[in-house]
Amino acid sequence: MADSKVVYTLSQVAQHRKKQDCWVVINGRVLNVTEFLETHPGGDDVLLEVAGKDATKEFQDVGHSKEATALLGKYQVGILQGASGLDDARATAAEEAVNRTTKDMPAFVIKEEGWRAALPGFLELAVPLTAAATFFGYTYLNRVAS
């Protein structure tokens, strides 16, 4: 976490809305989420849509977990000018708890591309259907033959 006492205006944040330099504001916190774009479970498009803006409403509408909320501190680079109601002590304690428990544990879905990503889902469907078709085909043919 960078110096979270640096104060930014919304116009300063608005200058950081590219994939190579992506900032958002959530609950009055200015976050540099450039490194998080690749690992965001919802994909980088979700963050790029709100890049350079106050994304508090969008963040709350999705219903993020406590762990996701605590993770905000990792990407915080400052606070938004005029922001009020930041409970730094409680937020810092929650962030430290998450960092202790998830330090060595991957916390995000890894995006896989291509046929290897689709294979498990296909097999979950194809194997039971093949087994059922084989069973019913076998029983049908035995009844017709007798």
N, C-alpha and C. Protein backbone atom coordinates (compact mmCIF):
# COMPACT_ATOMS: atom_id res chain seq x y z
N MET A 1 0.85 -1.17 0.00
CA MET A 1 0.00 0.00 0.00
C MET A 1 0.89 1.23 0.00
N ALA A 2 0.62 2.15 -0.90
CA ALA A 2 1.37 3.39 -0.99
C ALA A 2 0.90 4.34 0.10
N ASP A 3 1.41 5.56 0.05
CA ASP A 3 1.01 6.57 1.03
C ASP A 3 -0.47 6.89 0.85
N SER A 4 -1.30 6.41 1.76
CA SER A 4 -2.75 6.58 1.62
C SER A 4 -3.21 7.96 2.06
N LYS A 5 -2.31 8.84 2.48
CA LYS A 5 -2.68 10.19 2.91
C LYS A 5 -2.58 11.20 1.76
N VAL A 6 -2.10 10.79 0.60
CA VAL A 6 -2.04 11.67 -0.55
C VAL A 6 -3.47 11.93 -1.02
N VAL A 7 -3.79 13.20 -1.27
CA VAL A 7 -5.15 13.58 -1.66
C VAL A 7 -5.16 13.86 -3.16
N TYR A 8 -6.10 13.23 -3.85
CA TYR A 8 -6.26 13.42 -5.29
C TYR A 8 -7.64 13.98 -5.57
N THR A 9 -7.73 14.75 -6.64
CA THR A 9 -9.04 15.21 -7.11
C THR A 9 -9.57 14.20 -8.13
N LEU A 10 -10.85 14.26 -8.40
CA LEU A 10 -11.43 13.34 -9.37
C LEU A 10 -10.87 13.60 -10.77
N SER A 11 -10.52 14.84 -11.07
CA SER A 11 -9.92 15.13 -12.38
C SER A 11 -8.52 14.52 -12.50
N GLN A 12 -7.78 14.44 -11.39
CA GLN A 12 -6.48 13.79 -11.42
C GLN A 12 -6.65 12.28 -11.62
N VAL A 13 -7.64 11.70 -10.97
CA VAL A 13 -7.90 10.28 -11.12
C VAL A 13 -8.34 9.97 -12.55
N ALA A 14 -9.09 10.88 -13.16
CA ALA A 14 -9.62 10.68 -14.51
C ALA A 14 -8.51 10.56 -15.56
N GLN A 15 -7.32 11.00 -15.25
CA GLN A 15 -6.19 10.90 -16.17
C GLN A 15 -5.64 9.48 -16.24
N HIS A 16 -6.06 8.61 -15.35
CA HIS A 16 -5.55 7.24 -15.27
C HIS A 16 -6.66 6.27 -15.66
N ARG A 17 -6.96 6.18 -16.95
CA ARG A 17 -8.05 5.32 -17.39
C ARG A 17 -7.67 4.42 -18.56
N LYS A 18 -6.40 4.06 -18.62
CA LYS A 18 -5.92 3.15 -19.66
C LYS A 18 -5.55 1.81 -19.04
N LYS A 19 -5.41 0.82 -19.89
CA LYS A 19 -5.06 -0.52 -19.41
C LYS A 19 -3.68 -0.53 -18.77
N GLN A 20 -2.79 0.34 -19.24
CA GLN A 20 -1.43 0.41 -18.69
C GLN A 20 -1.36 1.28 -17.43
N ASP A 21 -2.42 2.02 -17.15
CA ASP A 21 -2.45 2.93 -16.00
C ASP A 21 -3.91 3.14 -15.60
N CYS A 22 -4.40 2.30 -14.71
CA CYS A 22 -5.83 2.25 -14.40
C CYS A 22 -6.07 2.54 -12.91
N TRP A 23 -6.75 3.66 -12.64
CA TRP A 23 -7.11 4.03 -11.28
C TRP A 23 -8.62 4.11 -11.17
N VAL A 24 -9.14 3.77 -10.00
CA VAL A 24 -10.56 3.94 -9.69
C VAL A 24 -10.70 4.49 -8.28
N VAL A 25 -11.87 5.00 -7.97
CA VAL A 25 -12.17 5.48 -6.62
C VAL A 25 -13.27 4.61 -6.06
N ILE A 26 -13.04 4.03 -4.89
CA ILE A 26 -14.06 3.23 -4.21
C ILE A 26 -14.10 3.67 -2.75
N ASN A 27 -15.27 4.09 -2.31
CA ASN A 27 -15.47 4.55 -0.93
C ASN A 27 -14.48 5.63 -0.53
N GLY A 28 -14.18 6.54 -1.44
CA GLY A 28 -13.28 7.64 -1.14
C GLY A 28 -11.81 7.29 -1.23
N ARG A 29 -11.50 6.05 -1.52
CA ARG A 29 -10.10 5.61 -1.66
C ARG A 29 -9.71 5.63 -3.13
N VAL A 30 -8.56 6.18 -3.42
CA VAL A 30 -8.03 6.17 -4.78
C VAL A 30 -7.17 4.91 -4.91
N LEU A 31 -7.53 4.07 -5.88
CA LEU A 31 -6.86 2.77 -6.04
C LEU A 31 -6.20 2.68 -7.40
N ASN A 32 -4.96 2.22 -7.42
CA ASN A 32 -4.26 1.92 -8.66
C ASN A 32 -4.43 0.42 -8.90
N VAL A 33 -5.36 0.06 -9.78
CA VAL A 33 -5.71 -1.34 -10.01
C VAL A 33 -5.07 -1.90 -11.28
N THR A 34 -4.03 -1.25 -11.78
CA THR A 34 -3.38 -1.69 -13.01
C THR A 34 -2.91 -3.14 -12.91
N GLU A 35 -2.25 -3.49 -11.81
CA GLU A 35 -1.74 -4.86 -11.62
C GLU A 35 -2.88 -5.87 -11.41
N PHE A 36 -4.02 -5.39 -10.95
CA PHE A 36 -5.15 -6.26 -10.63
C PHE A 36 -6.00 -6.59 -11.85
N LEU A 37 -5.81 -5.87 -12.96
CA LEU A 37 -6.62 -6.09 -14.15
C LEU A 37 -6.57 -7.54 -14.62
N GLU A 38 -5.39 -8.13 -14.64
CA GLU A 38 -5.21 -9.50 -15.14
C GLU A 38 -5.89 -10.55 -14.26
N THR A 39 -5.95 -10.28 -12.96
CA THR A 39 -6.45 -11.30 -12.03
C THR A 39 -7.86 -11.04 -11.53
N HIS A 40 -8.47 -9.93 -11.93
CA HIS A 40 -9.82 -9.62 -11.45
C HIS A 40 -10.78 -10.72 -11.92
N PRO A 41 -11.51 -11.34 -10.98
CA PRO A 41 -12.40 -12.45 -11.34
C PRO A 41 -13.46 -12.08 -12.38
N GLY A 42 -13.87 -10.84 -12.42
CA GLY A 42 -14.87 -10.42 -13.41
C GLY A 42 -14.28 -10.01 -14.74
N GLY A 43 -12.96 -10.05 -14.85
CA GLY A 43 -12.29 -9.66 -16.09
C GLY A 43 -11.86 -8.20 -16.05
N ASP A 44 -10.92 -7.86 -16.91
CA ASP A 44 -10.39 -6.50 -16.91
C ASP A 44 -11.38 -5.49 -17.49
N ASP A 45 -12.30 -5.94 -18.33
CA ASP A 45 -13.27 -5.03 -18.94
C ASP A 45 -14.12 -4.33 -17.89
N VAL A 46 -14.45 -5.04 -16.83
CA VAL A 46 -15.28 -4.47 -15.77
C VAL A 46 -14.58 -3.27 -15.14
N LEU A 47 -13.29 -3.42 -14.86
CA LEU A 47 -12.54 -2.32 -14.25
C LEU A 47 -12.27 -1.20 -15.24
N LEU A 48 -12.01 -1.56 -16.48
CA LEU A 48 -11.72 -0.52 -17.48
C LEU A 48 -12.95 0.35 -17.77
N GLU A 49 -14.15 -0.18 -17.59
CA GLU A 49 -15.37 0.61 -17.79
C GLU A 49 -15.48 1.75 -16.79
N VAL A 50 -14.96 1.53 -15.58
CA VAL A 50 -15.06 2.54 -14.52
C VAL A 50 -13.72 3.21 -14.23
N ALA A 51 -12.73 2.97 -15.07
CA ALA A 51 -11.40 3.54 -14.86
C ALA A 51 -11.48 5.06 -14.87
N GLY A 52 -10.78 5.68 -13.93
CA GLY A 52 -10.75 7.13 -13.84
C GLY A 52 -11.99 7.74 -13.23
N LYS A 53 -12.86 6.91 -12.67
CA LYS A 53 -14.14 7.40 -12.12
C LYS A 53 -14.34 6.90 -10.69
N ASP A 54 -15.39 7.40 -10.07
CA ASP A 54 -15.81 6.89 -8.77
C ASP A 54 -16.65 5.64 -9.02
N ALA A 55 -16.14 4.49 -8.64
CA ALA A 55 -16.80 3.21 -8.90
C ALA A 55 -17.45 2.63 -7.65
N THR A 56 -17.71 3.47 -6.66
CA THR A 56 -18.29 3.00 -5.40
C THR A 56 -19.62 2.29 -5.63
N LYS A 57 -20.51 2.91 -6.40
CA LYS A 57 -21.83 2.32 -6.63
C LYS A 57 -21.71 0.96 -7.33
N GLU A 58 -20.89 0.89 -8.36
CA GLU A 58 -20.71 -0.36 -9.09
C GLU A 58 -20.12 -1.44 -8.18
N PHE A 59 -19.16 -1.06 -7.35
CA PHE A 59 -18.52 -2.01 -6.43
C PHE A 59 -19.56 -2.57 -5.44
N GLN A 60 -20.40 -1.70 -4.91
CA GLN A 60 -21.40 -2.13 -3.94
C GLN A 60 -22.53 -2.92 -4.60
N ASP A 61 -22.89 -2.57 -5.83
CA ASP A 61 -23.96 -3.27 -6.53
C ASP A 61 -23.63 -4.74 -6.79
N VAL A 62 -22.36 -5.03 -7.00
CA VAL A 62 -21.94 -6.41 -7.27
C VAL A 62 -22.03 -7.27 -6.02
N GLY A 63 -21.86 -6.65 -4.86
CA GLY A 63 -21.92 -7.40 -3.62
C GLY A 63 -20.63 -8.15 -3.35
N HIS A 64 -19.53 -7.45 -3.32
CA HIS A 64 -18.22 -8.06 -3.09
C HIS A 64 -18.12 -8.62 -1.67
N SER A 65 -17.27 -9.61 -1.50
CA SER A 65 -17.05 -10.23 -0.20
C SER A 65 -16.24 -9.31 0.71
N LYS A 66 -16.17 -9.68 1.99
CA LYS A 66 -15.35 -8.92 2.94
C LYS A 66 -13.88 -8.98 2.54
N GLU A 67 -13.47 -10.12 2.00
CA GLU A 67 -12.08 -10.26 1.57
C GLU A 67 -11.76 -9.31 0.42
N ALA A 68 -12.71 -9.17 -0.51
CA ALA A 68 -12.51 -8.26 -1.63
C ALA A 68 -12.45 -6.82 -1.13
N THR A 69 -13.30 -6.49 -0.17
CA THR A 69 -13.30 -5.14 0.38
C THR A 69 -11.99 -4.86 1.12
N ALA A 70 -11.51 -5.85 1.86
CA ALA A 70 -10.25 -5.67 2.58
C ALA A 70 -9.07 -5.57 1.62
N LEU A 71 -9.18 -6.17 0.47
CA LEU A 71 -8.10 -6.15 -0.52
C LEU A 71 -7.90 -4.76 -1.12
N LEU A 72 -8.87 -3.88 -0.96
CA LEU A 72 -8.76 -2.53 -1.51
C LEU A 72 -7.52 -1.82 -1.00
N GLY A 73 -7.17 -2.04 0.25
CA GLY A 73 -6.02 -1.37 0.84
C GLY A 73 -4.71 -1.67 0.14
N LYS A 74 -4.62 -2.84 -0.45
CA LYS A 74 -3.39 -3.23 -1.15
C LYS A 74 -3.12 -2.33 -2.35
N TYR A 75 -4.18 -1.83 -2.96
CA TYR A 75 -4.06 -1.04 -4.18
C TYR A 75 -4.26 0.46 -3.95
N GLN A 76 -4.45 0.86 -2.69
CA GLN A 76 -4.72 2.27 -2.39
C GLN A 76 -3.46 3.11 -2.56
N VAL A 77 -3.62 4.22 -3.30
CA VAL A 77 -2.51 5.16 -3.50
C VAL A 77 -2.83 6.51 -2.86
N GLY A 78 -4.05 6.71 -2.41
CA GLY A 78 -4.43 7.96 -1.78
C GLY A 78 -5.91 8.00 -1.48
N ILE A 79 -6.38 9.20 -1.16
CA ILE A 79 -7.80 9.38 -0.89
C ILE A 79 -8.33 10.49 -1.80
N LEU A 80 -9.63 10.46 -2.03
CA LEU A 80 -10.28 11.44 -2.88
C LEU A 80 -10.53 12.71 -2.09
N GLN A 81 -10.24 13.85 -2.72
CA GLN A 81 -10.47 15.13 -2.06
C GLN A 81 -11.94 15.26 -1.69
N GLY A 82 -12.19 15.61 -0.43
CA GLY A 82 -13.56 15.79 0.04
C GLY A 82 -14.22 14.51 0.50
N ALA A 83 -13.52 13.39 0.43
CA ALA A 83 -14.11 12.12 0.88
C ALA A 83 -14.24 12.13 2.39
N SER A 84 -15.35 11.59 2.87
CA SER A 84 -15.57 11.54 4.31
C SER A 84 -16.05 10.15 4.69
N GLY A 85 -15.91 9.84 5.96
CA GLY A 85 -16.43 8.57 6.45
C GLY A 85 -15.47 7.41 6.26
N LEU A 86 -14.20 7.69 6.02
CA LEU A 86 -13.23 6.61 5.90
C LEU A 86 -12.83 6.14 7.29
N ASP A 87 -13.07 4.90 7.58
CA ASP A 87 -12.71 4.33 8.87
C ASP A 87 -11.40 3.57 8.70
N ASP A 88 -10.29 4.30 8.75
CA ASP A 88 -8.98 3.72 8.46
C ASP A 88 -8.58 2.62 9.43
N ALA A 89 -8.87 2.79 10.71
CA ALA A 89 -8.44 1.79 11.68
C ALA A 89 -9.12 0.45 11.43
N ARG A 90 -10.42 0.47 11.23
CA ARG A 90 -11.15 -0.78 11.00
C ARG A 90 -10.76 -1.39 9.66
N ALA A 91 -10.61 -0.56 8.64
CA ALA A 91 -10.24 -1.06 7.32
C ALA A 91 -8.84 -1.66 7.34
N THR A 92 -7.91 -1.01 8.03
CA THR A 92 -6.54 -1.53 8.10
C THR A 92 -6.51 -2.87 8.83
N ALA A 93 -7.27 -3.01 9.91
CA ALA A 93 -7.31 -4.28 10.64
C ALA A 93 -7.86 -5.40 9.76
N ALA A 94 -8.91 -5.11 9.00
CA ALA A 94 -9.48 -6.12 8.11
C ALA A 94 -8.50 -6.49 7.01
N GLU A 95 -7.81 -5.50 6.45
CA GLU A 95 -6.83 -5.77 5.40
C GLU A 95 -5.70 -6.65 5.91
N GLU A 96 -5.20 -6.36 7.13
CA GLU A 96 -4.12 -7.15 7.69
C GLU A 96 -4.57 -8.59 7.93
N ALA A 97 -5.80 -8.78 8.38
CA ALA A 97 -6.32 -10.13 8.61
C ALA A 97 -6.38 -10.91 7.31
N VAL A 98 -6.84 -10.28 6.25
CA VAL A 98 -6.91 -10.95 4.95
C VAL A 98 -5.51 -11.25 4.43
N ASN A 99 -4.60 -10.31 4.57
CA ASN A 99 -3.23 -10.52 4.09
C ASN A 99 -2.55 -11.66 4.82
N ARG A 100 -2.84 -11.83 6.13
CA ARG A 100 -2.25 -12.94 6.88
C ARG A 100 -2.81 -14.28 6.40
N THR A 101 -4.10 -14.34 6.14
CA THR A 101 -4.72 -15.62 5.79
C THR A 101 -4.53 -15.98 4.34
N THR A 102 -4.35 -15.00 3.47
CA THR A 102 -4.25 -15.29 2.04
C THR A 102 -2.87 -15.00 1.47
N LYS A 103 -1.88 -14.89 2.33
CA LYS A 103 -0.54 -14.51 1.87
C LYS A 103 -0.01 -15.46 0.80
N ASP A 104 -0.07 -16.75 1.05
CA ASP A 104 0.45 -17.73 0.10
C ASP A 104 -0.63 -18.44 -0.69
N MET A 105 -1.86 -18.03 -0.49
CA MET A 105 -2.98 -18.70 -1.13
C MET A 105 -3.48 -17.86 -2.30
N PRO A 106 -3.62 -18.45 -3.48
CA PRO A 106 -4.17 -17.67 -4.59
C PRO A 106 -5.61 -17.31 -4.30
N ALA A 107 -5.94 -16.04 -4.48
CA ALA A 107 -7.26 -15.57 -4.12
C ALA A 107 -8.16 -15.30 -5.31
N PHE A 108 -7.66 -15.54 -6.51
CA PHE A 108 -8.43 -15.17 -7.68
C PHE A 108 -8.52 -16.32 -8.66
N VAL A 109 -9.56 -16.29 -9.44
CA VAL A 109 -9.76 -17.28 -10.47
C VAL A 109 -8.74 -17.03 -11.58
N ILE A 110 -8.08 -18.08 -12.01
CA ILE A 110 -7.14 -17.94 -13.10
C ILE A 110 -7.89 -18.15 -14.39
N LYS A 111 -7.77 -17.18 -15.27
CA LYS A 111 -8.47 -17.28 -16.55
C LYS A 111 -7.69 -18.22 -17.45
N GLU A 112 -8.38 -19.22 -17.98
CA GLU A 112 -7.77 -20.11 -18.94
C GLU A 112 -8.42 -19.85 -20.29
N GLU A 113 -7.66 -19.99 -21.32
CA GLU A 113 -8.15 -19.74 -22.66
C GLU A 113 -8.08 -21.03 -23.46
N GLY A 114 -8.90 -21.12 -24.50
CA GLY A 114 -8.83 -22.24 -25.43
C GLY A 114 -9.61 -23.45 -24.99
N TRP A 115 -9.32 -24.56 -25.65
CA TRP A 115 -10.10 -25.78 -25.42
C TRP A 115 -9.84 -26.38 -24.05
N ARG A 116 -8.69 -26.13 -23.46
CA ARG A 116 -8.41 -26.69 -22.12
C ARG A 116 -9.32 -26.09 -21.06
N ALA A 117 -9.73 -24.88 -21.25
CA ALA A 117 -10.64 -24.25 -20.29
C ALA A 117 -12.03 -24.86 -20.39
N ALA A 118 -12.45 -25.25 -21.59
CA ALA A 118 -13.79 -25.79 -21.79
C ALA A 118 -13.87 -27.29 -21.53
N LEU A 119 -12.74 -27.98 -21.53
CA LEU A 119 -12.73 -29.43 -21.40
C LEU A 119 -13.42 -29.95 -20.14
N PRO A 120 -13.14 -29.46 -18.94
CA PRO A 120 -13.82 -30.00 -17.75
C PRO A 120 -15.33 -29.86 -17.82
N GLY A 121 -15.82 -28.72 -18.28
CA GLY A 121 -17.27 -28.55 -18.40
C GLY A 121 -17.87 -29.49 -19.42
N PHE A 122 -17.18 -29.69 -20.53
CA PHE A 122 -17.65 -30.61 -21.56
C PHE A 122 -17.71 -32.04 -21.03
N LEU A 123 -16.65 -32.45 -20.30
CA LEU A 123 -16.62 -33.81 -19.77
C LEU A 123 -17.70 -34.04 -18.71
N GLU A 124 -17.99 -33.01 -17.91
CA GLU A 124 -19.06 -33.14 -16.92
C GLU A 124 -20.41 -33.43 -17.57
N LEU A 125 -20.59 -32.95 -18.77
CA LEU A 125 -21.83 -33.18 -19.49
C LEU A 125 -21.76 -34.45 -20.34
N ALA A 126 -20.65 -34.63 -21.05
CA ALA A 126 -20.55 -35.71 -22.03
C ALA A 126 -20.46 -37.10 -21.40
N VAL A 127 -19.70 -37.25 -20.33
CA VAL A 127 -19.51 -38.59 -19.74
C VAL A 127 -20.82 -39.16 -19.21
N PRO A 128 -21.59 -38.44 -18.40
CA PRO A 128 -22.86 -39.03 -17.93
C PRO A 128 -23.85 -39.29 -19.08
N LEU A 129 -23.89 -38.38 -20.06
CA LEU A 129 -24.79 -38.61 -21.20
C LEU A 129 -24.39 -39.84 -22.00
N THR A 130 -23.10 -40.04 -22.19
CA THR A 130 -22.62 -41.21 -22.92
C THR A 130 -22.95 -42.49 -22.15
N ALA A 131 -22.75 -42.46 -20.84
CA ALA A 131 -23.07 -43.63 -20.02
C ALA A 131 -24.56 -43.94 -20.07
N ALA A 132 -25.40 -42.92 -19.96
CA ALA A 132 -26.84 -43.12 -20.00
C ALA A 132 -27.27 -43.64 -21.37
N ALA A 133 -26.73 -43.08 -22.45
CA ALA A 133 -27.08 -43.53 -23.80
C ALA A 133 -26.65 -44.97 -24.02
N THR A 134 -25.47 -45.33 -23.54
CA THR A 134 -24.99 -46.71 -23.67
C THR A 134 -25.91 -47.67 -22.92
N PHE A 135 -26.29 -47.32 -21.70
CA PHE A 135 -27.15 -48.18 -20.90
C PHE A 135 -28.51 -48.38 -21.58
N PHE A 136 -29.15 -47.27 -21.97
CA PHE A 136 -30.47 -47.38 -22.58
C PHE A 136 -30.41 -48.06 -23.95
N GLY A 137 -29.35 -47.82 -24.70
CA GLY A 137 -29.17 -48.50 -25.98
C GLY A 137 -29.00 -49.99 -25.80
N TYR A 138 -28.21 -50.40 -24.83
CA TYR A 138 -27.97 -51.81 -24.54
C TYR A 138 -29.27 -52.50 -24.13
N THR A 139 -30.02 -51.85 -23.19
CA THR A 139 -31.27 -52.47 -22.75
C THR A 139 -32.30 -52.53 -23.88
N TYR A 140 -32.36 -51.54 -24.71
CA TYR A 140 -33.28 -51.52 -25.83
C TYR A 140 -32.96 -52.65 -26.83
N LEU A 141 -31.68 -52.78 -27.16
CA LEU A 141 -31.28 -53.81 -28.11
C LEU A 141 -31.51 -55.21 -27.55
N ASN A 142 -31.32 -55.41 -26.24
CA ASN A 142 -31.60 -56.72 -25.61
C ASN A 142 -33.08 -57.03 -25.67
N ARG A 143 -33.95 -56.05 -25.50
CA ARG A 143 -35.39 -56.30 -25.55
C ARG A 143 -35.84 -56.59 -26.97
N VAL A 144 -35.27 -55.88 -27.93
CA VAL A 144 -35.64 -56.12 -29.32
C VAL A 144 -35.16 -57.48 -29.78
N ALA A 145 -33.99 -57.90 -29.32
CA ALA A 145 -33.41 -59.18 -29.73
C ALA A 145 -34.17 -60.36 -29.13
N SER A 146 -34.82 -60.17 -27.98
CA SER A 146 -35.50 -61.30 -27.34
C SER A 146 -36.96 -61.39 -27.64
